[in-house]
Amino acid sequence: MRCIPELIYAIEQFEKELIKLGKKTKENLLSHFKRSTACDFRIDGTTVNAILQGQADDEEEDNGSGGDSPKAKRLKLSIASDSPTD
């Protein structure tokens, strides 16, 4: 699975070099080249909120106030990450 991100990176670098070469030669070298759209991702808001809440709890513990144990926090984060996004 590690080869997929490396392949995407190589394609993006190739496109970048074609753009540079096209500018030097004043030719559109990308006219027959399909631009990649492989960098597609989603941000799961519930997971982000859970992580931010966990960080806030960590800061409270560092200041001396009580809170959940680290095991309980991990459980909360795993439950939040398992919840559906839609």
Protein backbone atom coordinates (compact mmCIF):
# COMPACT_ATOMS: atom_id res chain seq x y z
CA MET A 1 0.00 0.00 0.00
CA ARG A 2 2.97 2.34 0.45
CA CYS A 3 3.56 2.41 -3.32
CA ILE A 4 0.29 4.27 -4.04
CA PRO A 5 1.27 7.56 -2.32
CA GLU A 6 4.70 7.38 -3.96
CA LEU A 7 3.09 6.90 -7.37
CA ILE A 8 0.77 9.88 -6.82
CA TYR A 9 3.75 12.01 -5.75
CA ALA A 10 5.70 10.96 -8.86
CA ILE A 11 2.77 11.86 -11.13
CA GLU A 12 2.42 15.27 -9.48
CA GLN A 13 6.16 15.92 -9.91
CA PHE A 14 5.91 14.89 -13.58
CA GLU A 15 3.04 17.33 -14.11
CA LYS A 16 5.03 20.09 -12.43
CA GLU A 17 8.01 19.46 -14.71
CA LEU A 18 5.76 19.42 -17.80
CA ILE A 19 4.35 22.81 -16.79
CA LYS A 20 7.87 24.24 -16.36
CA LEU A 21 9.03 22.83 -19.70
CA GLY A 22 5.87 24.09 -21.40
CA LYS A 23 6.54 27.61 -20.15
CA LYS A 24 10.11 27.50 -21.49
CA THR A 25 9.08 26.18 -24.90
CA LYS A 26 5.86 28.24 -25.04
CA GLU A 27 3.92 25.06 -25.88
CA ASN A 28 1.01 23.57 -23.99
CA LEU A 29 2.45 20.17 -23.12
CA LEU A 30 -0.52 19.31 -20.90
CA SER A 31 -3.08 19.61 -23.70
CA HIS A 32 -3.37 15.82 -24.07
CA PHE A 33 -2.53 15.00 -20.48
CA LYS A 34 -5.32 14.36 -17.99
CA ARG A 35 -4.64 16.19 -14.73
CA SER A 36 -4.69 13.95 -11.68
CA THR A 37 -7.30 14.39 -8.96
CA ALA A 38 -6.04 11.66 -6.65
CA CYS A 39 -5.59 13.92 -3.62
CA ASP A 40 -9.15 13.51 -2.40
CA PHE A 41 -9.95 13.16 1.30
CA ARG A 42 -12.63 13.88 3.88
CA ILE A 43 -12.33 15.38 7.33
CA ASP A 44 -14.51 13.63 9.89
CA GLY A 45 -15.80 16.41 12.12
CA THR A 46 -16.75 14.13 15.01
CA THR A 47 -13.24 12.69 15.16
CA VAL A 48 -11.68 16.15 15.06
CA ASN A 49 -13.98 17.33 17.86
CA ALA A 50 -13.15 14.26 19.94
CA ILE A 51 -9.42 14.81 19.51
CA LEU A 52 -9.75 18.50 20.37
CA GLN A 53 -11.81 17.60 23.44
CA GLY A 54 -9.14 15.09 24.44
CA GLN A 55 -6.46 17.75 24.12
CA ALA A 56 -8.50 20.12 26.28
CA ASP A 57 -8.87 17.36 28.88
CA ASP A 58 -5.11 16.74 28.78
CA GLU A 59 -4.47 20.43 29.45
CA GLU A 60 -6.85 20.34 32.43
CA GLU A 61 -5.04 17.32 33.87
CA ASP A 62 -1.69 19.07 33.45
CA ASN A 63 -3.09 21.98 35.46
CA GLY A 64 -4.00 19.65 38.34
CA SER A 65 -7.72 19.21 37.85
CA GLY A 66 -9.23 15.74 37.66
CA GLY A 67 -10.68 14.01 34.64
CA ASP A 68 -10.87 10.75 32.79
CA SER A 69 -8.03 8.31 32.80
CA PRO A 70 -5.98 7.97 29.60
CA LYS A 71 -7.66 4.60 28.99
CA ALA A 72 -11.11 6.23 29.18
CA LYS A 73 -10.01 8.96 26.75
CA ARG A 74 -8.77 6.39 24.25
CA LEU A 75 -12.10 4.60 24.54
CA LYS A 76 -13.97 7.85 23.86
CA LEU A 77 -11.79 8.57 20.82
CA SER A 78 -12.25 5.07 19.43
CA ILE A 79 -16.02 5.29 19.89
CA ALA A 80 -16.07 8.71 18.19
CA SER A 81 -14.01 7.46 15.26
CA ASP A 82 -16.30 4.45 14.78
CA SER A 83 -19.43 6.59 14.44
CA PRO A 84 -20.79 7.09 10.90
CA THR A 85 -20.18 10.45 9.20
CA ASP A 86 -23.49 10.65 7.33
